[in-house]
Each structure stands twice: as structure tokens, then as C-alpha cells.
Protein backbone atom coordinates (compact mmCIF):
# COMPACT_ATOMS: atom_id res chain seq x y z
CA MET A 1 -46.60 23.20 8.57
CA LYS A 2 -43.29 21.63 9.55
CA LYS A 3 -41.44 19.82 6.75
CA ILE A 4 -40.35 16.24 7.46
CA TYR A 5 -36.87 15.38 6.15
CA SER A 6 -35.74 11.82 5.59
CA VAL A 7 -32.86 9.92 4.07
CA ILE A 8 -33.47 8.78 0.51
CA PHE A 9 -32.09 5.30 -0.19
CA VAL A 10 -30.88 5.13 -3.78
CA LEU A 11 -29.90 1.93 -5.60
CA LEU A 12 -27.30 2.20 -8.33
CA ALA A 13 -27.47 -0.79 -10.65
CA PHE A 14 -24.74 -1.18 -13.24
CA ILE A 15 -24.58 -4.11 -15.65
CA LEU A 16 -20.96 -3.92 -16.69
CA SER A 17 -19.10 -5.72 -19.43
CA VAL A 18 -16.48 -6.87 -17.00
CA GLY A 19 -14.98 -9.96 -15.49
CA CYS A 20 -14.37 -11.15 -11.97
CA PHE A 21 -14.05 -8.57 -9.20
CA ASN A 22 -12.23 -10.30 -6.40
CA GLY A 23 -12.20 -9.71 -2.71
CA PHE A 24 -12.19 -7.06 -0.04
CA TYR A 25 -9.11 -4.89 -0.30
CA ASN A 26 -7.71 -5.86 3.09
CA THR A 27 -7.87 -9.60 2.36
CA PHE A 28 -6.53 -11.86 -0.35
CA ALA A 29 -8.67 -13.35 -3.10
CA TYR A 30 -7.10 -16.20 -5.04
CA TYR A 31 -7.58 -16.38 -8.76
CA GLU A 32 -7.93 -19.83 -10.29
CA LYS A 33 -4.56 -21.57 -10.13
CA ASP A 34 -2.72 -20.81 -13.33
CA LYS A 35 -0.62 -23.59 -14.78
CA ASN A 36 1.02 -21.27 -17.32
CA ILE A 37 3.37 -19.86 -14.67
CA SER A 38 6.30 -21.77 -13.20
CA ILE A 39 9.14 -20.40 -11.09
CA ASN A 40 12.45 -21.92 -10.07
CA ALA A 41 12.30 -20.78 -6.45
CA LYS A 42 11.23 -22.16 -3.09
CA SER A 43 8.31 -19.78 -2.79
CA GLY A 44 6.59 -16.95 -4.61
CA ILE A 45 3.48 -14.87 -5.10
CA LEU A 46 2.08 -12.54 -7.77
CA LEU A 47 -0.84 -10.25 -7.01
CA ASP A 48 -2.74 -7.14 -8.03
CA TYR A 49 -1.97 -4.17 -5.77
CA GLN A 50 -5.42 -2.57 -5.86
CA THR A 51 -7.61 -5.60 -5.10
CA ASN A 52 -5.17 -8.07 -3.50
CA THR A 53 -6.14 -10.63 -6.11
CA VAL A 54 -3.50 -13.38 -6.12
CA ILE A 55 -2.75 -14.40 -9.72
CA TYR A 56 -0.13 -17.01 -8.87
CA SER A 57 1.35 -18.50 -5.73
CA LYS A 58 3.77 -21.23 -4.75
CA ASN A 59 4.29 -22.23 -1.10
CA GLU A 60 3.31 -18.68 -0.16
CA LEU A 61 2.89 -19.52 3.55
CA GLU A 62 6.10 -21.53 3.96
CA HIS A 63 8.35 -20.15 6.70
CA LEU A 64 11.65 -19.16 5.12
CA PRO A 65 14.56 -16.77 5.70
CA ILE A 66 14.12 -13.70 3.49
CA ALA A 67 17.55 -12.04 3.89
CA SER A 68 17.53 -8.28 3.17
CA MET A 69 13.83 -8.23 2.30
CA CYS A 70 13.50 -7.73 6.08
CA LYS A 71 14.55 -4.16 5.28
CA ILE A 72 11.11 -3.59 3.75
CA MET A 73 9.71 -3.42 7.28
CA THR A 74 12.64 -1.24 8.36
CA LEU A 75 11.67 1.19 5.60
CA VAL A 76 7.97 1.01 6.50
CA LEU A 77 8.82 2.21 10.01
CA CYS A 78 11.11 4.93 8.63
CA PHE A 79 8.42 6.37 6.39
CA GLU A 80 5.79 5.93 9.09
CA ALA A 81 7.95 8.03 11.42
CA ILE A 82 8.24 10.70 8.72
CA GLU A 83 4.48 10.71 8.17
CA ASN A 84 3.91 11.02 11.94
CA ASN A 85 6.39 13.92 12.12
CA GLN A 86 8.76 12.02 14.41
CA ILE A 87 11.55 12.70 11.94
CA SER A 88 12.03 14.44 8.60
CA LEU A 89 14.24 13.72 5.60
CA SER A 90 16.33 16.77 6.48
CA ASP A 91 17.04 15.70 10.09
CA THR A 92 20.59 14.66 10.97
CA VAL A 93 21.65 11.34 12.46
CA VAL A 94 24.85 10.81 14.44
CA VAL A 95 26.03 7.31 13.57
CA SER A 96 27.00 5.06 16.48
CA ASP A 97 29.94 2.70 16.55
CA ASN A 98 27.41 -0.15 16.65
CA ALA A 99 25.78 1.02 13.42
CA SER A 100 28.97 1.75 11.51
CA GLY A 101 30.38 -1.68 12.37
CA MET A 102 27.51 -3.78 10.99
CA GLY A 103 29.38 -5.22 8.01
CA GLY A 104 27.79 -7.06 5.10
CA SER A 105 26.22 -4.79 2.50
CA GLN A 106 27.02 -1.27 3.65
CA VAL A 107 27.89 2.27 2.59
CA PHE A 108 30.75 2.62 5.10
CA LEU A 109 29.20 5.14 7.46
CA GLU A 110 31.64 6.88 9.80
CA THR A 111 31.36 6.46 13.56
CA ASN A 112 30.12 9.77 15.05
CA GLY A 113 29.59 11.08 11.53
CA GLU A 114 26.49 13.18 10.89
CA TYR A 115 24.22 12.15 8.03
CA LEU A 116 20.87 13.34 6.73
CA VAL A 117 17.93 10.98 7.23
CA GLY A 118 17.35 11.18 3.48
CA GLU A 119 20.89 9.96 2.76
CA LEU A 120 20.48 7.00 5.10
CA ILE A 121 17.11 6.01 3.66
CA LYS A 122 18.56 6.27 0.15
CA SER A 123 21.38 3.98 1.27
CA ILE A 124 18.86 1.38 2.48
CA VAL A 125 16.58 1.54 -0.55
CA VAL A 126 19.27 1.62 -3.24
CA ALA A 127 22.27 -0.15 -1.71
CA SER A 128 20.61 -2.32 0.98
CA ALA A 129 22.99 -0.81 3.55
CA ASN A 130 23.03 -2.62 6.91
CA ASP A 131 24.86 0.22 8.65
CA ALA A 132 22.20 2.71 7.55
CA CYS A 133 19.42 0.41 8.81
CA VAL A 134 20.84 0.28 12.33
CA ALA A 135 21.55 4.01 12.33
CA MET A 136 17.91 4.72 11.44
CA ALA A 137 16.63 2.19 14.00
CA GLU A 138 18.62 3.93 16.73
CA LYS A 139 17.47 7.36 15.52
CA ILE A 140 13.76 6.53 15.58
CA TYR A 141 13.42 4.27 18.64
CA GLY A 142 16.68 4.71 20.52
CA SER A 143 18.02 1.20 20.00
CA GLU A 144 17.84 -1.61 17.49
CA SER A 145 16.10 -3.86 20.03
CA ALA A 146 13.31 -1.31 20.55
CA PHE A 147 13.02 -0.93 16.79
CA ILE A 148 12.77 -4.71 16.28
CA LYS A 149 9.96 -4.85 18.83
CA LYS A 150 8.11 -2.24 16.80
CA MET A 151 8.78 -4.22 13.60
CA ASN A 152 7.02 -7.25 15.08
CA GLU A 153 4.15 -5.13 16.38
CA LYS A 154 3.70 -3.62 12.94
CA ALA A 155 3.78 -7.08 11.38
CA GLN A 156 0.91 -8.17 13.62
CA GLU A 157 -0.99 -4.97 12.87
CA LEU A 158 -0.71 -5.70 9.14
CA GLY A 159 -1.84 -9.32 9.56
CA MET A 160 1.58 -10.84 8.89
CA ASN A 161 0.95 -13.97 10.94
CA ASP A 162 3.87 -15.98 9.56
CA THR A 163 6.71 -13.53 10.26
CA VAL A 164 9.14 -12.96 13.11
CA PHE A 165 11.89 -10.32 13.01
CA VAL A 166 15.00 -10.57 15.19
CA ASN A 167 17.04 -7.86 13.47
CA CYS A 168 16.40 -4.93 11.13
CA THR A 169 18.89 -5.92 8.43
CA GLY A 170 18.08 -9.49 7.41
CA LEU A 171 21.52 -10.77 8.35
CA PRO A 172 21.32 -14.50 9.26
CA GLN A 173 20.07 -14.98 12.82
CA ALA A 174 18.18 -17.82 14.48
CA GLY A 175 14.44 -17.38 14.86
CA GLN A 176 13.92 -14.91 12.00
CA TYR A 177 11.58 -15.94 9.17
CA SER A 178 8.76 -14.80 6.95
CA CYS A 179 6.83 -16.06 3.91
CA ALA A 180 6.05 -14.81 0.41
CA LYS A 181 2.53 -13.72 1.34
CA ASP A 182 3.72 -11.67 4.33
CA VAL A 183 6.48 -10.06 2.29
CA SER A 184 3.86 -8.95 -0.23
CA ILE A 185 1.78 -7.47 2.61
CA MET A 186 4.61 -5.36 4.03
CA PHE A 187 5.82 -4.38 0.56
CA LYS A 188 2.32 -3.17 -0.32
CA GLU A 189 2.37 -1.10 2.87
CA LEU A 190 5.69 0.43 1.82
CA LEU A 191 4.26 1.29 -1.61
CA ASN A 192 1.61 3.43 0.09
CA TYR A 193 4.26 6.00 1.09
CA GLN A 194 4.85 8.41 -1.78
CA ASP A 195 8.23 9.53 -0.41
CA TYR A 196 9.51 6.00 -0.98
CA TYR A 197 9.42 6.47 -4.75
CA LYS A 198 11.89 9.37 -4.47
CA PHE A 199 14.49 6.71 -3.71
CA SER A 200 13.18 3.49 -5.25
CA ARG A 201 13.52 4.80 -8.82
CA ILE A 202 17.21 5.71 -8.39
CA TRP A 203 19.57 3.63 -10.53
CA THR A 204 22.95 5.07 -9.53
CA ASP A 205 23.90 7.78 -7.05
CA VAL A 206 26.41 8.67 -4.34
CA VAL A 207 26.21 8.77 -0.56
CA LYS A 208 27.78 11.87 0.96
CA HIS A 209 30.01 11.41 4.02
CA PRO A 210 31.62 14.04 6.28
CA ASN A 211 34.74 15.75 4.90
CA ASP A 212 33.39 15.46 1.31
CA ARG A 213 34.01 11.72 1.04
CA THR A 214 31.48 9.89 -1.17
CA THR A 215 30.46 6.30 -1.80
CA GLU A 216 29.04 5.35 -5.19
CA ILE A 217 25.91 3.17 -5.05
CA SER A 218 23.76 1.39 -7.63
CA ASN A 219 20.34 -0.15 -7.21
CA THR A 220 20.40 -3.82 -6.28
CA ASN A 221 17.03 -4.21 -8.03
CA LYS A 222 18.13 -4.45 -11.68
CA LEU A 223 14.52 -4.40 -12.92
CA ILE A 224 14.44 -0.65 -12.15
CA ARG A 225 16.54 -0.18 -15.25
CA PHE A 226 15.66 -3.18 -17.37
CA TYR A 227 11.90 -3.77 -16.92
CA LYS A 228 9.38 -1.26 -18.27
CA GLY A 229 7.10 -0.02 -15.50
CA CYS A 230 9.14 -1.35 -12.55
CA ASP A 231 9.61 1.52 -10.11
CA SER A 232 10.30 -0.22 -6.80
CA GLY A 233 11.67 -3.34 -5.17
CA LYS A 234 13.94 -4.96 -2.62
CA THR A 235 16.47 -7.72 -3.17
CA GLY A 236 17.95 -10.12 -0.65
CA TYR A 237 20.62 -12.78 -0.55
CA THR A 238 22.28 -15.02 1.99
CA SER A 239 23.50 -18.56 1.49
CA GLU A 240 20.65 -19.70 3.75
CA ALA A 241 17.88 -17.70 2.06
CA GLY A 242 19.09 -17.92 -1.53
CA HIS A 243 18.32 -15.13 -3.96
CA CYS A 244 15.17 -13.18 -3.09
CA LEU A 245 13.27 -10.31 -4.67
CA SER A 246 10.13 -8.31 -4.04
CA ALA A 247 9.25 -5.90 -6.85
CA SER A 248 6.39 -3.85 -8.21
CA ALA A 249 5.58 -2.62 -11.71
CA ILE A 250 2.76 -0.50 -13.09
CA ARG A 251 1.28 -0.27 -16.58
CA ASN A 252 -2.07 1.15 -17.73
CA ASP A 253 -3.28 1.81 -14.16
CA MET A 254 -2.59 -1.78 -13.04
CA ARG A 255 0.12 -2.19 -10.40
CA LEU A 256 1.47 -5.66 -9.69
CA ILE A 257 3.44 -6.97 -6.73
CA CYS A 258 5.68 -10.00 -7.09
CA VAL A 259 7.80 -11.87 -4.52
CA VAL A 260 10.22 -14.76 -5.00
CA ILE A 261 12.16 -16.44 -2.19
CA GLY A 262 15.00 -18.91 -2.61
CA SER A 263 15.93 -18.64 -6.28
CA PRO A 264 19.16 -20.51 -7.04
CA THR A 265 20.74 -17.55 -8.86
CA SER A 266 20.38 -13.79 -9.04
CA LYS A 267 19.60 -13.99 -12.75
CA GLU A 268 16.74 -16.41 -12.17
CA ARG A 269 15.03 -14.26 -9.54
CA PHE A 270 14.92 -11.32 -11.96
CA SER A 271 13.87 -13.60 -14.81
CA ASN A 272 11.08 -15.22 -12.79
CA VAL A 273 9.66 -11.88 -11.66
CA SER A 274 9.86 -10.44 -15.19
CA GLU A 275 8.05 -13.44 -16.64
CA MET A 276 5.28 -13.22 -14.04
CA PHE A 277 4.87 -9.50 -14.70
CA ASN A 278 4.72 -10.17 -18.45
CA TYR A 279 2.04 -12.82 -18.01
CA ALA A 280 -0.18 -10.65 -15.80
CA PHE A 281 0.10 -7.53 -17.96
CA ALA A 282 -0.72 -9.58 -21.08
CA ASN A 283 -3.78 -11.34 -19.66
CA PHE A 284 -5.39 -9.09 -17.04
CA GLU A 285 -6.52 -5.52 -16.52
CA ASN A 286 -7.72 -3.31 -13.70
CA ARG A 287 -10.75 -1.17 -14.47
CA LYS A 288 -11.78 1.71 -12.25
CA ILE A 289 -15.51 1.25 -11.70
CA VAL A 290 -15.86 4.01 -9.09
CA ASP A 291 -13.92 7.26 -9.44
CA ASP A 292 -13.21 8.98 -6.12
CA SER A 293 -12.54 12.30 -7.87
CA LYS A 294 -16.14 12.70 -9.10
CA PRO A 295 -19.40 13.09 -7.11
CA LEU A 296 -21.55 9.97 -7.08
CA ASP A 297 -24.85 10.09 -8.92
CA VAL A 298 -26.89 9.61 -5.75
CA GLU A 299 -28.97 11.89 -3.56
CA VAL A 300 -28.96 11.97 0.22
CA ASN A 301 -31.47 14.12 2.09
CA VAL A 302 -30.33 15.85 5.26
CA LEU A 303 -32.24 16.49 8.47
CA ASP A 304 -32.22 20.03 9.90
CA GLY A 305 -29.70 21.37 7.39
CA LYS A 306 -29.43 24.66 5.54
CA LYS A 307 -29.52 22.50 2.42
CA ASP A 308 -31.91 19.61 1.90
CA SER A 309 -29.57 17.34 -0.07
CA LEU A 310 -25.92 16.39 0.08
CA SER A 311 -23.32 15.77 -2.64
CA VAL A 312 -21.19 12.69 -1.89
CA VAL A 313 -18.00 11.01 -3.14
CA ALA A 314 -16.29 7.65 -2.62
CA GLU A 315 -13.46 7.68 -0.07
CA LYS A 316 -11.23 5.84 -2.54
CA PRO A 317 -11.69 4.32 -6.00
CA LEU A 318 -13.07 0.84 -6.52
CA TYR A 319 -11.31 -1.30 -9.09
CA LEU A 320 -12.34 -4.33 -11.06
CA PHE A 321 -9.54 -6.85 -11.59
CA CYS A 322 -10.43 -9.15 -14.46
CA GLU A 323 -9.22 -11.07 -17.45
CA LYS A 324 -9.03 -8.94 -20.56
CA HIS A 325 -12.25 -9.00 -22.60
CA ALA A 326 -14.16 -11.07 -20.02
CA LYS A 327 -17.81 -10.16 -19.39
CA LYS A 328 -19.84 -10.37 -16.20
CA GLY A 329 -22.44 -8.34 -14.32
CA ILE A 330 -21.53 -6.22 -11.27
CA GLU A 331 -24.09 -4.31 -9.21
CA LEU A 332 -23.23 -1.26 -7.11
CA SER A 333 -25.49 -0.25 -4.24
CA PHE A 334 -25.25 2.94 -2.20
CA GLU A 335 -26.40 2.54 1.40
CA PRO A 336 -26.48 5.78 3.42
CA LEU A 337 -26.65 5.97 7.18
CA LYS A 338 -30.16 5.64 8.56
CA LYS A 339 -30.28 9.25 9.71
CA ILE A 340 -28.06 12.10 8.59
CA PHE A 341 -28.36 15.29 10.63
CA ALA A 342 -26.72 18.65 10.04
CA PRO A 343 -24.17 19.97 10.72
CA ILE A 344 -22.19 17.85 8.28
CA LYS A 345 -18.51 18.42 7.58
CA LYS A 346 -16.92 17.80 4.21
CA GLY A 347 -15.17 14.41 4.40
CA GLN A 348 -17.59 12.99 6.98
CA VAL A 349 -18.64 9.37 6.42
CA VAL A 350 -22.31 9.26 5.42
CA GLY A 351 -22.68 5.73 4.05
CA LYS A 352 -21.15 2.92 2.01
CA LEU A 353 -20.96 1.96 -1.63
CA ILE A 354 -21.12 -1.83 -1.96
CA ALA A 355 -20.24 -3.96 -4.97
CA TYR A 356 -22.13 -7.21 -5.54
CA GLU A 357 -21.51 -10.14 -7.84
CA ASN A 358 -24.45 -12.54 -8.22
CA GLY A 359 -25.98 -11.05 -5.09
CA VAL A 360 -22.86 -11.59 -2.97
CA GLU A 361 -21.01 -8.60 -1.51
CA ILE A 362 -17.45 -8.59 -2.83
CA ALA A 363 -16.10 -5.12 -1.94
CA ASN A 364 -17.14 -1.86 -0.32
CA VAL A 365 -15.93 1.68 0.20
CA ASN A 366 -16.97 4.48 2.53
CA VAL A 367 -18.97 7.34 1.02
CA LEU A 368 -18.04 10.83 2.21
CA ALA A 369 -19.79 14.19 2.25
CA ASN A 370 -18.48 16.28 -0.63
CA GLU A 371 -19.53 19.54 1.02
CA THR A 372 -20.16 21.13 4.40
CA ILE A 373 -23.79 21.73 5.39
CA LEU A 374 -24.54 23.86 8.43
CA GLU A 375 -27.45 23.32 10.79
CA LYS A 376 -30.59 25.38 10.29
CA THR A 377 -30.96 28.40 12.54
CA TYR A 378 -34.16 29.82 14.06
CA PHE A 379 -34.25 32.44 11.30
CA ASP A 380 -33.93 29.74 8.62
CA ASN A 381 -37.00 28.03 10.05
CA VAL A 382 -38.93 31.33 10.09
CA LYS A 383 -37.93 31.96 6.47
CA ASN A 384 -39.15 28.50 5.46
CA ILE A 385 -42.48 29.06 7.18
CA VAL A 386 -42.92 32.36 5.36
CA ASN A 387 -41.94 30.86 1.99
CA ASN A 388 -44.34 27.96 2.46
CA TRP A 389 -47.21 30.05 3.83
CA ALA A 390 -50.30 29.61 1.74
CA VAL A 391 -52.00 32.93 0.88
CA ILE A 392 -55.76 32.47 0.77
């Protein structure tokens, strides 16, 4: 008799001693407006990296110049090119006269000098070097104008609807603007590239030029040295934009992103960001409610496979952002695909894990096969018939 295989739908119900779990991870969820935070800046935003929960905001959609924070997108495209194998950190770049003559904050690159990609990226991250930005733009896309076009395309791809780039450096130029929310979006994208941290944690270093000349550099983001847990950031300043800063800090598995635009002094931008970090770390936490490194306690039956059931894992962890010591119920439900046929490859999407609060879906993550299961052969079917044959 032929066995009938079907998918088993399993409901996981957890009543957790937890607080509010906000939002899908590709959108923003706004926490209740907190009156305990105040910043002396035109605009700002503070949010949780994992869940995009906004803890505090002020004029976060206002169109403003952001000075050298434009370089965040320049760096996003640099690391994207590395990830896509267009370039590598060990590639060389011949610096054009256009790039070396940029002025402003720079590391004094030599025209026709050869530099490693890694040295130029370090110059951008640590010293906010305009000349290195243009050199990298020309290296990756042939010209700064082509690079700027890609910057705007990437902004749209990321959902940065209140941003227009007209250069890759942030130098004052008509028509260029962004907002605190969009800066946080592109900065979060930059934080996804692990190679970035090789440079963002540097406090002081040197840039090597041809003929053994060097330029000493120090990180423009002073919080790297003076704020516990801060491992990344980008400053900006022009007389038009004021003092700007986007920074991130991590403690106890909770990473925060903070942006301020238009602070009256450099000291105040660092002070405002530090105070916002302090407030969030003191009052909130991020609990991992689904661990992507461990198989889920669910069972999925497989049609026509050499094995009848499949081990599964979450594609990425699910986090619960909440006030410390708050309590609330969260329900997790695993919903497999309607039919799952062999062959199945490890890493194949086989369903979703959905988080609910009071019956409302608040987040979800793909569930992946944790093993490969081959399709049954003719001989497997014969073996099953023999094993199941009833001897009378």
C-alpha cells in the first residue's frame, strides 16, 4: 500500500515575559514619544539596529544639507563593489588630477600616484578625505558623475525618499539634501558590511603615499575613543549644514544608531549622541527570541523524499526590542509551504516563522531547510514496500 505524505502544520505558542516587539525589520516602528530626550540640533533620530524601532526623533524628515555624511553612501557603494568582486582591498588606484585637487578635508593624494583601495577607504572612513572619495568613485564607475547616479539609484533602492546626491563628498552644492531618517537608513546599510569595521574602529593611523611619504590621520568621530561600545560613525560639517554626526554603539547584544544634523558646535553633537545612547542603553534591551544557529522545534514532513521529515532553521534571528523588565505575551507561529517535495537543498526556503502580538502580525522571518534531502528512487520505493509488507 502506498504511503501518503503530507505537510504537518505546527503551531509554536510562547507566552514570554517580554515587552513590545515593534515592526517589520525593513520598516520603521515608532516608540511612544519620549520627553526625557532633548537635543540642541535641527534634526535627529535614535533607533534600534535590529528592529528599526525609533526611540526618539526630531524633524527626522526635514530636508537638510548633511555635509560629509554623504560619504556614508560613497562607502556603501565601495563595500558593495568589494562584495560583488568588482574590486578588492588590495587593488591599486591611479589617482587623477581631478581627484587629487578636491580640497577641503583630504589626505593630499598625489596626481598619478598609485594607492591601494584599502588605503583610500581608510582615508574616507577615518579622515573624511574628499580626494579619496573621488578617486574611489572614478575607480568603481569610471567617473564621479556615473558614481553619483549610482548613489541616487541606491538611495531609492533603500527607500531613502527624502535624499538627493549631487556629489560624493558632501561639499556644499545646490540641490543636495537628505534627512535624519534617510541617513540612518544608509548608515544601517553600511553597518551590514563587516569589512567596514576594519576601518571604523581606527583611532589614529597613517596613509602611505608613493616614495614613502605618509600623512597622519585621526578619526573625526571622537566617540570611537571616548564612548564605550561605539565602533563606527561619520561626522560632517559645513557652515550651511552645521555639525553633523551619525554613529553606532553596541552593548549587551543591542546595537543603536543615532543621527544628529545641524548641531551648533562639534562638542554638542558628540554630547547629544552620547546622551541618547546612554538613555537607550539604560532603559531598553534587545532579546533574541529566535536563534538562527539552532534548529527550530518544529517538524515538516516531506513528499517523495529519502527522509520523511526535515530539520529547519530561521534564516536570521528575531529580536524583541522592549523596555527593561516589561512583560507582554508574544506568539510565534511556524507556517510551512503547502507542499514540500524532495529533492530539498540545505538553505532552501520551506516556510515562515511569524511573530504575533495580540493576534496582529508584527514580524516574520523565512525558515530554511537545515539539511539536504534527496528524492526517493525506484529502489527506495521497493524497499519500503518490502518493509511494510504484511506477512500472513
